[in-house]
Amino acid sequence: VDRAVSDFRHEASALRQQVAQLTTEVREAVAAREEARHALLEERRAVASHAGRENAALAAARRSLHASESLANDRGILLDQASRLSTAMLQALRECGSDAATLSR
């Protein structure tokens, strides 16, 4: 009986050591998993932030392009109006010259 009790205590001690070792390994694995999870979350935040900056830059570029197109359109309208005004002024000068020639006769 003493031998059986001694063997049982020895086995129990060995099992406690194995449980302690497994508990340590599980804790380390959980800690490593948490570190990996935090790193992944940080990476996702960084990617989202980068994408946000890219989207903002793209939106600014679109606004700039729209403003440039609008300015180009306005410039075309102004050039057309300037051309018409120039033509009208030339016509008026011709008419004035014709009237002056008529008057000098």
PDB file of N, CA and C in Angstrom:
ATOM      1  N   VAL A   1       0.850  -1.192   0.000  1.00  0.00           N
ATOM      2  CA  VAL A   1       0.000   0.000   0.000  1.00  0.00           C
ATOM      3  C   VAL A   1       0.884   1.239   0.000  1.00  0.00           C
ATOM      4  N   ASP A   2       1.941   1.209   0.824  1.00  0.00           N
ATOM      5  CA  ASP A   2       2.837   2.358   0.856  1.00  0.00           C
ATOM      6  C   ASP A   2       3.470   2.604  -0.508  1.00  0.00           C
ATOM      7  N   ARG A   3       3.781   1.495  -1.168  1.00  0.00           N
ATOM      8  CA  ARG A   3       4.388   1.606  -2.504  1.00  0.00           C
ATOM      9  C   ARG A   3       3.383   2.210  -3.479  1.00  0.00           C
ATOM     10  N   ALA A   4       2.142   1.793  -3.407  1.00  0.00           N
ATOM     11  CA  ALA A   4       1.109   2.322  -4.299  1.00  0.00           C
ATOM     12  C   ALA A   4       0.889   3.804  -4.030  1.00  0.00           C
ATOM     13  N   VAL A   5       0.887   4.194  -2.771  1.00  0.00           N
ATOM     14  CA  VAL A   5       0.719   5.610  -2.416  1.00  0.00           C
ATOM     15  C   VAL A   5       1.914   6.401  -2.922  1.00  0.00           C
ATOM     16  N   SER A   6       3.099   5.876  -2.769  1.00  0.00           N
ATOM     17  CA  SER A   6       4.305   6.546  -3.236  1.00  0.00           C
ATOM     18  C   SER A   6       4.275   6.695  -4.756  1.00  0.00           C
ATOM     19  N   ASP A   7       3.889   5.638  -5.459  1.00  0.00           N
ATOM     20  CA  ASP A   7       3.783   5.700  -6.928  1.00  0.00           C
ATOM     21  C   ASP A   7       2.721   6.719  -7.348  1.00  0.00           C
ATOM     22  N   PHE A   8       1.608   6.725  -6.617  1.00  0.00           N
ATOM     23  CA  PHE A   8       0.527   7.663  -6.938  1.00  0.00           C
ATOM     24  C   PHE A   8       1.002   9.105  -6.750  1.00  0.00           C
ATOM     25  N   ARG A   9       1.708   9.363  -5.657  1.00  0.00           N
ATOM     26  CA  ARG A   9       2.232  10.713  -5.397  1.00  0.00           C
ATOM     27  C   ARG A   9       3.250  11.115  -6.467  1.00  0.00           C
ATOM     28  N   HIS A  10       4.069  10.184  -6.849  1.00  0.00           N
ATOM     29  CA  HIS A  10       5.062  10.452  -7.879  1.00  0.00           C
ATOM     30  C   HIS A  10       4.370  10.797  -9.209  1.00  0.00           C
ATOM     31  N   GLU A  11       3.371  10.004  -9.579  1.00  0.00           N
ATOM     32  CA  GLU A  11       2.623  10.267 -10.817  1.00  0.00           C
ATOM     33  C   GLU A  11       1.867  11.597 -10.731  1.00  0.00           C
ATOM     34  N   ALA A  12       1.317  11.879  -9.559  1.00  0.00           N
ATOM     35  CA  ALA A  12       0.596  13.140  -9.374  1.00  0.00           C
ATOM     36  C   ALA A  12       1.541  14.321  -9.512  1.00  0.00           C
ATOM     37  N   SER A  13       2.723  14.194  -8.970  1.00  0.00           N
ATOM     38  CA  SER A  13       3.727  15.255  -9.084  1.00  0.00           C
ATOM     39  C   SER A  13       4.123  15.462 -10.541  1.00  0.00           C
ATOM     40  N   ALA A  14       4.331  14.358 -11.257  1.00  0.00           N
ATOM     41  CA  ALA A  14       4.692  14.450 -12.675  1.00  0.00           C
ATOM     42  C   ALA A  14       3.558  15.085 -13.474  1.00  0.00           C
ATOM     43  N   LEU A  15       2.333  14.731 -13.128  1.00  0.00           N
ATOM     44  CA  LEU A  15       1.175  15.320 -13.826  1.00  0.00           C
ATOM     45  C   LEU A  15       1.059  16.814 -13.516  1.00  0.00           C
ATOM     46  N   ARG A  16       1.315  17.203 -12.245  1.00  0.00           N
ATOM     47  CA  ARG A  16       1.266  18.635 -11.900  1.00  0.00           C
ATOM     48  C   ARG A  16       2.318  19.411 -12.703  1.00  0.00           C
ATOM     49  N   GLN A  17       3.494  18.817 -12.875  1.00  0.00           N
ATOM     50  CA  GLN A  17       4.544  19.477 -13.661  1.00  0.00           C
ATOM     51  C   GLN A  17       4.124  19.604 -15.129  1.00  0.00           C
ATOM     52  N   GLN A  18       3.515  18.558 -15.653  1.00  0.00           N
ATOM     53  CA  GLN A  18       3.045  18.613 -17.042  1.00  0.00           C
ATOM     54  C   GLN A  18       1.947  19.661 -17.205  1.00  0.00           C
ATOM     55  N   VAL A  19       1.020  19.726 -16.231  1.00  0.00           N
ATOM     56  CA  VAL A  19      -0.051  20.727 -16.284  1.00  0.00           C
ATOM     57  C   VAL A  19       0.539  22.126 -16.210  1.00  0.00           C
ATOM     58  N   ALA A  20       1.520  22.314 -15.320  1.00  0.00           N
ATOM     59  CA  ALA A  20       2.168  23.626 -15.209  1.00  0.00           C
ATOM     60  C   ALA A  20       2.857  23.997 -16.519  1.00  0.00           C
ATOM     61  N   GLN A  21       3.555  23.025 -17.124  1.00  0.00           N
ATOM     62  CA  GLN A  21       4.236  23.281 -18.400  1.00  0.00           C
ATOM     63  C   GLN A  21       3.222  23.619 -19.489  1.00  0.00           C
ATOM     64  N   LEU A  22       2.138  22.834 -19.571  1.00  0.00           N
ATOM     65  CA  LEU A  22       1.108  23.092 -20.580  1.00  0.00           C
ATOM     66  C   LEU A  22       0.428  24.442 -20.343  1.00  0.00           C
ATOM     67  N   THR A  23       0.197  24.791 -19.085  1.00  0.00           N
ATOM     68  CA  THR A  23      -0.412  26.089 -18.753  1.00  0.00           C
ATOM     69  C   THR A  23       0.488  27.229 -19.224  1.00  0.00           C
ATOM     70  N   THR A  24       1.781  27.090 -19.001  1.00  0.00           N
ATOM     71  CA  THR A  24       2.736  28.107 -19.454  1.00  0.00           C
ATOM     72  C   THR A  24       2.721  28.216 -20.978  1.00  0.00           C
ATOM     73  N   GLU A  25       2.725  27.073 -21.654  1.00  0.00           N
ATOM     74  CA  GLU A  25       2.712  27.081 -23.121  1.00  0.00           C
ATOM     75  C   GLU A  25       1.424  27.705 -23.659  1.00  0.00           C
ATOM     76  N   VAL A  26       0.295  27.389 -23.011  1.00  0.00           N
ATOM     77  CA  VAL A  26      -0.979  27.971 -23.448  1.00  0.00           C
ATOM     78  C   VAL A  26      -0.970  29.477 -23.237  1.00  0.00           C
ATOM     79  N   ARG A  27      -0.466  29.923 -22.090  1.00  0.00           N
ATOM     80  CA  ARG A  27      -0.391  31.370 -21.825  1.00  0.00           C
ATOM     81  C   ARG A  27       0.495  32.073 -22.851  1.00  0.00           C
ATOM     82  N   GLU A  28       1.617  31.463 -23.175  1.00  0.00           N
ATOM     83  CA  GLU A  28       2.512  32.045 -24.182  1.00  0.00           C
ATOM     84  C   GLU A  28       1.847  32.090 -25.554  1.00  0.00           C
ATOM     85  N   ALA A  29       1.130  31.032 -25.892  1.00  0.00           N
ATOM     86  CA  ALA A  29       0.436  30.997 -27.185  1.00  0.00           C
ATOM     87  C   ALA A  29      -0.655  32.057 -27.238  1.00  0.00           C
ATOM     88  N   VAL A  30      -1.397  32.218 -26.125  1.00  0.00           N
ATOM     89  CA  VAL A  30      -2.454  33.243 -26.068  1.00  0.00           C
ATOM     90  C   VAL A  30      -1.829  34.635 -26.184  1.00  0.00           C
ATOM     91  N   ALA A  31      -0.726  34.855 -25.489  1.00  0.00           N
ATOM     92  CA  ALA A  31      -0.048  36.156 -25.559  1.00  0.00           C
ATOM     93  C   ALA A  31       0.448  36.431 -26.984  1.00  0.00           C
ATOM     94  N   ALA A  32       1.024  35.416 -27.618  1.00  0.00           N
ATOM     95  CA  ALA A  32       1.501  35.587 -28.997  1.00  0.00           C
ATOM     96  C   ALA A  32       0.338  35.870 -29.937  1.00  0.00           C
ATOM     97  N   ARG A  33      -0.784  35.171 -29.718  1.00  0.00           N
ATOM     98  CA  ARG A  33      -1.963  35.413 -30.556  1.00  0.00           C
ATOM     99  C   ARG A  33      -2.480  36.840 -30.374  1.00  0.00           C
ATOM    100  N   GLU A  34      -2.494  37.319 -29.130  1.00  0.00           N
ATOM    101  CA  GLU A  34      -2.931  38.688 -28.857  1.00  0.00           C
ATOM    102  C   GLU A  34      -2.006  39.706 -29.516  1.00  0.00           C
ATOM    103  N   GLU A  35      -0.695  39.458 -29.443  1.00  0.00           N
ATOM    104  CA  GLU A  35       0.258  40.358 -30.096  1.00  0.00           C
ATOM    105  C   GLU A  35       0.028  40.384 -31.602  1.00  0.00           C
ATOM    106  N   ALA A  36      -0.199  39.224 -32.182  1.00  0.00           N
ATOM    107  CA  ALA A  36      -0.459  39.147 -33.624  1.00  0.00           C
ATOM    108  C   ALA A  36      -1.763  39.854 -33.968  1.00  0.00           C
ATOM    109  N   ARG A  37      -2.769  39.681 -33.114  1.00  0.00           N
ATOM    110  CA  ARG A  37      -4.065  40.341 -33.355  1.00  0.00           C
ATOM    111  C   ARG A  37      -3.905  41.863 -33.295  1.00  0.00           C
ATOM    112  N   HIS A  38      -3.178  42.350 -32.284  1.00  0.00           N
ATOM    113  CA  HIS A  38      -2.942  43.798 -32.178  1.00  0.00           C
ATOM    114  C   HIS A  38      -2.145  44.315 -33.367  1.00  0.00           C
ATOM    115  N   ALA A  39      -1.149  43.554 -33.793  1.00  0.00           N
ATOM    116  CA  ALA A  39      -0.354  43.971 -34.955  1.00  0.00           C
ATOM    117  C   ALA A  39      -1.229  44.028 -36.204  1.00  0.00           C
ATOM    118  N   LEU A  40      -2.106  43.054 -36.363  1.00  0.00           N
ATOM    119  CA  LEU A  40      -3.009  43.044 -37.514  1.00  0.00           C
ATOM    120  C   LEU A  40      -3.962  44.222 -37.474  1.00  0.00           C
ATOM    121  N   LEU A  41      -4.489  44.525 -36.289  1.00  0.00           N
ATOM    122  CA  LEU A  41      -5.381  45.687 -36.158  1.00  0.00           C
ATOM    123  C   LEU A  41      -4.651  46.982 -36.491  1.00  0.00           C
ATOM    124  N   GLU A  42      -3.414  47.105 -36.023  1.00  0.00           N
ATOM    125  CA  GLU A  42      -2.624  48.297 -36.338  1.00  0.00           C
ATOM    126  C   GLU A  42      -2.370  48.400 -37.842  1.00  0.00           C
ATOM    127  N   GLU A  43      -2.071  47.266 -38.448  1.00  0.00           N
ATOM    128  CA  GLU A  43      -1.841  47.258 -39.895  1.00  0.00           C
ATOM    129  C   GLU A  43      -3.114  47.664 -40.630  1.00  0.00           C
ATOM    130  N   ARG A  44      -4.246  47.135 -40.186  1.00  0.00           N
ATOM    131  CA  ARG A  44      -5.522  47.509 -40.824  1.00  0.00           C
ATOM    132  C   ARG A  44      -5.792  49.000 -40.663  1.00  0.00           C
ATOM    133  N   ARG A  45      -5.515  49.530 -39.467  1.00  0.00           N
ATOM    134  CA  ARG A  45      -5.712  50.973 -39.246  1.00  0.00           C
ATOM    135  C   ARG A  45      -4.806  51.784 -40.168  1.00  0.00           C
ATOM    136  N   ALA A  46      -3.559  51.344 -40.293  1.00  0.00           N
ATOM    137  CA  ALA A  46      -2.608  52.054 -41.156  1.00  0.00           C
ATOM    138  C   ALA A  46      -3.069  52.013 -42.613  1.00  0.00           C
ATOM    139  N   VAL A  47      -3.537  50.849 -43.045  1.00  0.00           N
ATOM    140  CA  VAL A  47      -4.020  50.724 -44.427  1.00  0.00           C
ATOM    141  C   VAL A  47      -5.243  51.607 -44.636  1.00  0.00           C
ATOM    142  N   ALA A  48      -6.158  51.585 -43.668  1.00  0.00           N
ATOM    143  CA  ALA A  48      -7.365  52.424 -43.788  1.00  0.00           C
ATOM    144  C   ALA A  48      -7.006  53.900 -43.796  1.00  0.00           C
ATOM    145  N   SER A  49      -6.052  54.283 -42.958  1.00  0.00           N
ATOM    146  CA  SER A  49      -5.614  55.677 -42.919  1.00  0.00           C
ATOM    147  C   SER A  49      -4.978  56.077 -44.243  1.00  0.00           C
ATOM    148  N   HIS A  50      -4.135  55.194 -44.770  1.00  0.00           N
ATOM    149  CA  HIS A  50      -3.477  55.456 -46.057  1.00  0.00           C
ATOM    150  C   HIS A  50      -4.528  55.572 -47.165  1.00  0.00           C
ATOM    151  N   ALA A  51      -5.491  54.653 -47.145  1.00  0.00           N
ATOM    152  CA  ALA A  51      -6.560  54.696 -48.153  1.00  0.00           C
ATOM    153  C   ALA A  51      -7.364  55.984 -48.012  1.00  0.00           C
ATOM    154  N   GLY A  52      -7.588  56.401 -46.770  1.00  0.00           N
ATOM    155  CA  GLY A  52      -8.306  57.658 -46.545  1.00  0.00           C
ATOM    156  C   GLY A  52      -7.559  58.848 -47.113  1.00  0.00           C
ATOM    157  N   ARG A  53      -6.233  58.854 -46.898  1.00  0.00           N
ATOM    158  CA  ARG A  53      -5.426  59.955 -47.458  1.00  0.00           C
ATOM    159  C   ARG A  53      -5.439  59.907 -48.982  1.00  0.00           C
ATOM    160  N   GLU A  54      -5.352  58.694 -49.544  1.00  0.00           N
ATOM    161  CA  GLU A  54      -5.392  58.570 -51.005  1.00  0.00           C
ATOM    162  C   GLU A  54      -6.741  59.029 -51.547  1.00  0.00           C
ATOM    163  N   ASN A  55      -7.821  58.654 -50.873  1.00  0.00           N
ATOM    164  CA  ASN A  55      -9.152  59.080 -51.311  1.00  0.00           C
ATOM    165  C   ASN A  55      -9.295  60.590 -51.232  1.00  0.00           C
ATOM    166  N   ALA A  56      -8.768  61.189 -50.167  1.00  0.00           N
ATOM    167  CA  ALA A  56      -8.823  62.644 -50.035  1.00  0.00           C
ATOM    168  C   ALA A  56      -8.015  63.318 -51.138  1.00  0.00           C
ATOM    169  N   ALA A  57      -6.842  62.770 -51.436  1.00  0.00           N
ATOM    170  CA  ALA A  57      -6.014  63.335 -52.509  1.00  0.00           C
ATOM    171  C   ALA A  57      -6.704  63.182 -53.860  1.00  0.00           C
ATOM    172  N   LEU A  58      -7.337  62.048 -54.066  1.00  0.00           N
ATOM    173  CA  LEU A  58      -8.062  61.821 -55.316  1.00  0.00           C
ATOM    174  C   LEU A  58      -9.231  62.791 -55.445  1.00  0.00           C
ATOM    175  N   ALA A  59      -9.951  63.002 -54.360  1.00  0.00           N
ATOM    176  CA  ALA A  59     -11.067  63.956 -54.380  1.00  0.00           C
ATOM    177  C   ALA A  59     -10.562  65.368 -54.669  1.00  0.00           C
ATOM    178  N   ALA A  60      -9.436  65.743 -54.073  1.00  0.00           N
ATOM    179  CA  ALA A  60      -8.854  67.062 -54.338  1.00  0.00           C
ATOM    180  C   ALA A  60      -8.435  67.185 -55.796  1.00  0.00           C
ATOM    181  N   ALA A  61      -7.865  66.125 -56.339  1.00  0.00           N
ATOM    182  CA  ALA A  61      -7.460  66.146 -57.753  1.00  0.00           C
ATOM    183  C   ALA A  61      -8.686  66.279 -58.656  1.00  0.00           C
ATOM    184  N   ARG A  62      -9.768  65.585 -58.304  1.00  0.00           N
ATOM    185  CA  ARG A  62     -10.997  65.705 -59.094  1.00  0.00           C
ATOM    186  C   ARG A  62     -11.548  67.120 -59.043  1.00  0.00           C
ATOM    187  N   ARG A  63     -11.529  67.714 -57.839  1.00  0.00           N
ATOM    188  CA  ARG A  63     -12.012  69.103 -57.713  1.00  0.00           C
ATOM    189  C   ARG A  63     -11.144  70.045 -58.534  1.00  0.00           C
ATOM    190  N   SER A  64      -9.830  69.816 -58.495  1.00  0.00           N
ATOM    191  CA  SER A  64      -8.908  70.654 -59.259  1.00  0.00           C
ATOM    192  C   SER A  64      -9.160  70.505 -60.760  1.00  0.00           C
ATOM    193  N   LEU A  65      -9.366  69.263 -61.190  1.00  0.00           N
ATOM    194  CA  LEU A  65      -9.644  69.015 -62.606  1.00  0.00           C
ATOM    195  C   LEU A  65     -10.939  69.695 -63.018  1.00  0.00           C
ATOM    196  N   HIS A  66     -11.960  69.583 -62.186  1.00  0.00           N
ATOM    197  CA  HIS A  66     -13.247  70.219 -62.487  1.00  0.00           C
ATOM    198  C   HIS A  66     -13.076  71.740 -62.575  1.00  0.00           C
ATOM    199  N   ALA A  67     -12.316  72.312 -61.636  1.00  0.00           N
ATOM    200  CA  ALA A  67     -12.073  73.754 -61.661  1.00  0.00           C
ATOM    201  C   ALA A  67     -11.301  74.146 -62.921  1.00  0.00           C
ATOM    202  N   SER A  68     -10.319  73.327 -63.312  1.00  0.00           N
ATOM    203  CA  SER A  68      -9.543  73.611 -64.532  1.00  0.00           C
ATOM    204  C   SER A  68     -10.432  73.557 -65.768  1.00  0.00           C
ATOM    205  N   GLU A  69     -11.302  72.530 -65.809  1.00  0.00           N
ATOM    206  CA  GLU A  69     -12.220  72.423 -66.945  1.00  0.00           C
ATOM    207  C   GLU A  69     -13.164  73.617 -66.985  1.00  0.00           C
ATOM    208  N   SER A  70     -13.634  74.037 -65.825  1.00  0.00           N
ATOM    209  CA  SER A  70     -14.527  75.186 -65.752  1.00  0.00           C
ATOM    210  C   SER A  70     -13.811  76.456 -66.216  1.00  0.00           C
ATOM    211  N   LEU A  71     -12.550  76.618 -65.777  1.00  0.00           N
ATOM    212  CA  LEU A  71     -11.778  77.790 -66.206  1.00  0.00           C
ATOM    213  C   LEU A  71     -11.518  77.756 -67.711  1.00  0.00           C
ATOM    214  N   ALA A  72     -11.225  76.582 -68.232  1.00  0.00           N
ATOM    215  CA  ALA A  72     -10.990  76.459 -69.671  1.00  0.00           C
ATOM    216  C   ALA A  72     -12.265  76.802 -70.439  1.00  0.00           C
ATOM    217  N   ASN A  73     -13.395  76.357 -69.942  1.00  0.00           N
ATOM    218  CA  ASN A  73     -14.670  76.673 -70.579  1.00  0.00           C
ATOM    219  C   ASN A  73     -14.931  78.180 -70.525  1.00  0.00           C
ATOM    220  N   ASP A  74     -14.704  78.788 -69.349  1.00  0.00           N
ATOM    221  CA  ASP A  74     -14.874  80.242 -69.218  1.00  0.00           C
ATOM    222  C   ASP A  74     -13.927  80.992 -70.148  1.00  0.00           C
ATOM    223  N   ARG A  75     -12.692  80.521 -70.265  1.00  0.00           N
ATOM    224  CA  ARG A  75     -11.702  81.155 -71.149  1.00  0.00           C
ATOM    225  C   ARG A  75     -12.189  81.090 -72.601  1.00  0.00           C
ATOM    226  N   GLY A  76     -12.723  79.928 -72.992  1.00  0.00           N
ATOM    227  CA  GLY A  76     -13.240  79.790 -74.354  1.00  0.00           C
ATOM    228  C   GLY A  76     -14.378  80.760 -74.611  1.00  0.00           C
ATOM    229  N   ILE A  77     -15.264  80.908 -73.645  1.00  0.00           N
ATOM    230  CA  ILE A  77     -16.386  81.847 -73.783  1.00  0.00           C
ATOM    231  C   ILE A  77     -15.855  83.271 -73.906  1.00  0.00           C
ATOM    232  N   LEU A  78     -14.884  83.639 -73.060  1.00  0.00           N
ATOM    233  CA  LEU A  78     -14.320  84.987 -73.106  1.00  0.00           C
ATOM    234  C   LEU A  78     -13.592  85.245 -74.419  1.00  0.00           C
ATOM    235  N   LEU A  79     -12.869  84.242 -74.924  1.00  0.00           N
ATOM    236  CA  LEU A  79     -12.191  84.421 -76.217  1.00  0.00           C
ATOM    237  C   LEU A  79     -13.205  84.616 -77.343  1.00  0.00           C
ATOM    238  N   ASP A  80     -14.297  83.864 -77.285  1.00  0.00           N
ATOM    239  CA  ASP A  80     -15.344  84.006 -78.290  1.00  0.00           C
ATOM    240  C   ASP A  80     -15.959  85.405 -78.226  1.00  0.00           C
ATOM    241  N   GLN A  81     -16.224  85.881 -77.017  1.00  0.00           N
ATOM    242  CA  GLN A  81     -16.796  87.223 -76.861  1.00  0.00           C
ATOM    243  C   GLN A  81     -15.812  88.292 -77.322  1.00  0.00           C
ATOM    244  N   ALA A  82     -14.522  88.105 -77.023  1.00  0.00           N
ATOM    245  CA  ALA A  82     -13.504  89.067 -77.447  1.00  0.00           C
ATOM    246  C   ALA A  82     -13.412  89.098 -78.973  1.00  0.00           C
ATOM    247  N   SER A  83     -13.514  87.937 -79.589  1.00  0.00           N
ATOM    248  CA  SER A  83     -13.466  87.868 -81.049  1.00  0.00           C
ATOM    249  C   SER A  83     -14.661  88.602 -81.654  1.00  0.00           C
ATOM    250  N   ARG A  84     -15.829  88.392 -81.094  1.00  0.00           N
ATOM    251  CA  ARG A  84     -17.028  89.083 -81.600  1.00  0.00           C
ATOM    252  C   ARG A  84     -16.923  90.590 -81.402  1.00  0.00           C
ATOM    253  N   LEU A  85     -16.406  90.995 -80.252  1.00  0.00           N
ATOM    254  CA  LEU A  85     -16.232  92.421 -79.985  1.00  0.00           C
ATOM    255  C   LEU A  85     -15.228  93.028 -80.952  1.00  0.00           C
ATOM    256  N   SER A  86     -14.145  92.320 -81.214  1.00  0.00           N
ATOM    257  CA  SER A  86     -13.132  92.795 -82.157  1.00  0.00           C
ATOM    258  C   SER A  86     -13.728  92.945 -83.556  1.00  0.00           C
ATOM    259  N   THR A  87     -14.507  91.956 -83.974  1.00  0.00           N
ATOM    260  CA  THR A  87     -15.155  92.023 -85.282  1.00  0.00           C
ATOM    261  C   THR A  87     -16.106  93.212 -85.350  1.00  0.00           C
ATOM    262  N   ALA A  88     -16.858  93.426 -84.287  1.00  0.00           N
ATOM    263  CA  ALA A  88     -17.797  94.556 -84.257  1.00  0.00           C
ATOM    264  C   ALA A  88     -17.052  95.881 -84.291  1.00  0.00           C
ATOM    265  N   MET A  89     -15.925  95.954 -83.569  1.00  0.00           N
ATOM    266  CA  MET A  89     -15.145  97.202 -83.585  1.00  0.00           C
ATOM    267  C   MET A  89     -14.572  97.475 -84.972  1.00  0.00           C
ATOM    268  N   LEU A  90     -14.054  96.438 -85.632  1.00  0.00           N
ATOM    269  CA  LEU A  90     -13.524  96.617 -86.989  1.00  0.00           C
ATOM    270  C   LEU A  90     -14.619  97.090 -87.939  1.00  0.00           C
ATOM    271  N   GLN A  91     -15.794  96.483 -87.810  1.00  0.00           N
ATOM    272  CA  GLN A  91     -16.927  96.887 -88.645  1.00  0.00           C
ATOM    273  C   GLN A  91     -17.292  98.347 -88.394  1.00  0.00           C
ATOM    274  N   ALA A  92     -17.285  98.733 -87.095  1.00  0.00           N
ATOM    275  CA  ALA A  92     -17.611 100.124 -86.759  1.00  0.00           C
ATOM    276  C   ALA A  92     -16.553 101.074 -87.318  1.00  0.00           C
ATOM    277  N   LEU A  93     -15.277 100.663 -87.234  1.00  0.00           N
ATOM    278  CA  LEU A  93     -14.214 101.510 -87.780  1.00  0.00           C
ATOM    279  C   LEU A  93     -14.345 101.638 -89.297  1.00  0.00           C
ATOM    280  N   ARG A  94     -14.701 100.553 -89.969  1.00  0.00           N
ATOM    281  CA  ARG A  94     -14.903 100.630 -91.428  1.00  0.00           C
ATOM    282  C   ARG A  94     -16.039 101.589 -91.762  1.00  0.00           C
ATOM    283  N   GLU A  95     -17.115 101.467 -90.987  1.00  0.00           N
ATOM    284  CA  GLU A  95     -18.267 102.340 -91.239  1.00  0.00           C
ATOM    285  C   GLU A  95     -17.895 103.786 -90.973  1.00  0.00           C
ATOM    286  N   CYS A  96     -17.091 104.029 -89.915  1.00  0.00           N
ATOM    287  CA  CYS A  96     -16.656 105.398 -89.622  1.00  0.00           C
ATOM    288  C   CYS A  96     -15.762 105.920 -90.746  1.00  0.00           C
ATOM    289  N   GLY A  97     -14.860 105.041 -91.228  1.00  0.00           N
ATOM    290  CA  GLY A  97     -13.980 105.438 -92.329  1.00  0.00           C
ATOM    291  C   GLY A  97     -14.769 105.714 -93.583  1.00  0.00           C
ATOM    292  N   SER A  98     -15.807 104.922 -93.831  1.00  0.00           N
ATOM    293  CA  SER A  98     -16.647 105.115 -95.015  1.00  0.00           C
ATOM    294  C   SER A  98     -17.410 106.425 -94.889  1.00  0.00           C
ATOM    295  N   ASP A  99     -17.923 106.685 -93.693  1.00  0.00           N
ATOM    296  CA  ASP A  99     -18.633 107.938 -93.457  1.00  0.00           C
ATOM    297  C   ASP A  99     -17.697 109.136 -93.592  1.00  0.00           C
ATOM    298  N   ALA A 100     -16.441 109.006 -93.122  1.00  0.00           N
ATOM    299  CA  ALA A 100     -15.483 110.104 -93.224  1.00  0.00           C
ATOM    300  C   ALA A 100     -15.128 110.356 -94.691  1.00  0.00           C
ATOM    301  N   ALA A 101     -14.972 109.283 -95.451  1.00  0.00           N
ATOM    302  CA  ALA A 101     -14.642 109.435 -96.870  1.00  0.00           C
ATOM    303  C   ALA A 101     -15.803 110.112 -97.595  1.00  0.00           C
ATOM    304  N   THR A 102     -17.016 109.735 -97.244  1.00  0.00           N
ATOM    305  CA  THR A 102     -18.194 110.331 -97.863  1.00  0.00           C
ATOM    306  C   THR A 102     -18.273 111.809 -97.518  1.00  0.00           C
ATOM    307  N   LEU A 103     -17.986 112.141 -96.281  1.00  0.00           N
ATOM    308  CA  LEU A 103     -18.058 113.539 -95.843  1.00  0.00           C
ATOM    309  C   LEU A 103     -16.970 114.379 -96.490  1.00  0.00           C
ATOM    310  N   SER A 104     -15.793 113.810 -96.716  1.00  0.00           N
ATOM    311  CA  SER A 104     -14.694 114.608 -97.278  1.00  0.00           C
ATOM    312  C   SER A 104     -14.933 114.892 -98.748  1.00  0.00           C
ATOM    313  N   ARG A 105     -15.815 114.166 -99.411  1.00  0.00           N
ATOM    314  CA  ARG A 105     -16.068 114.384-100.828  1.00  0.00           C
ATOM    315  C   ARG A 105     -16.935 115.535-100.943  1.00  0.00           C
TER     316      ARG A 105
END
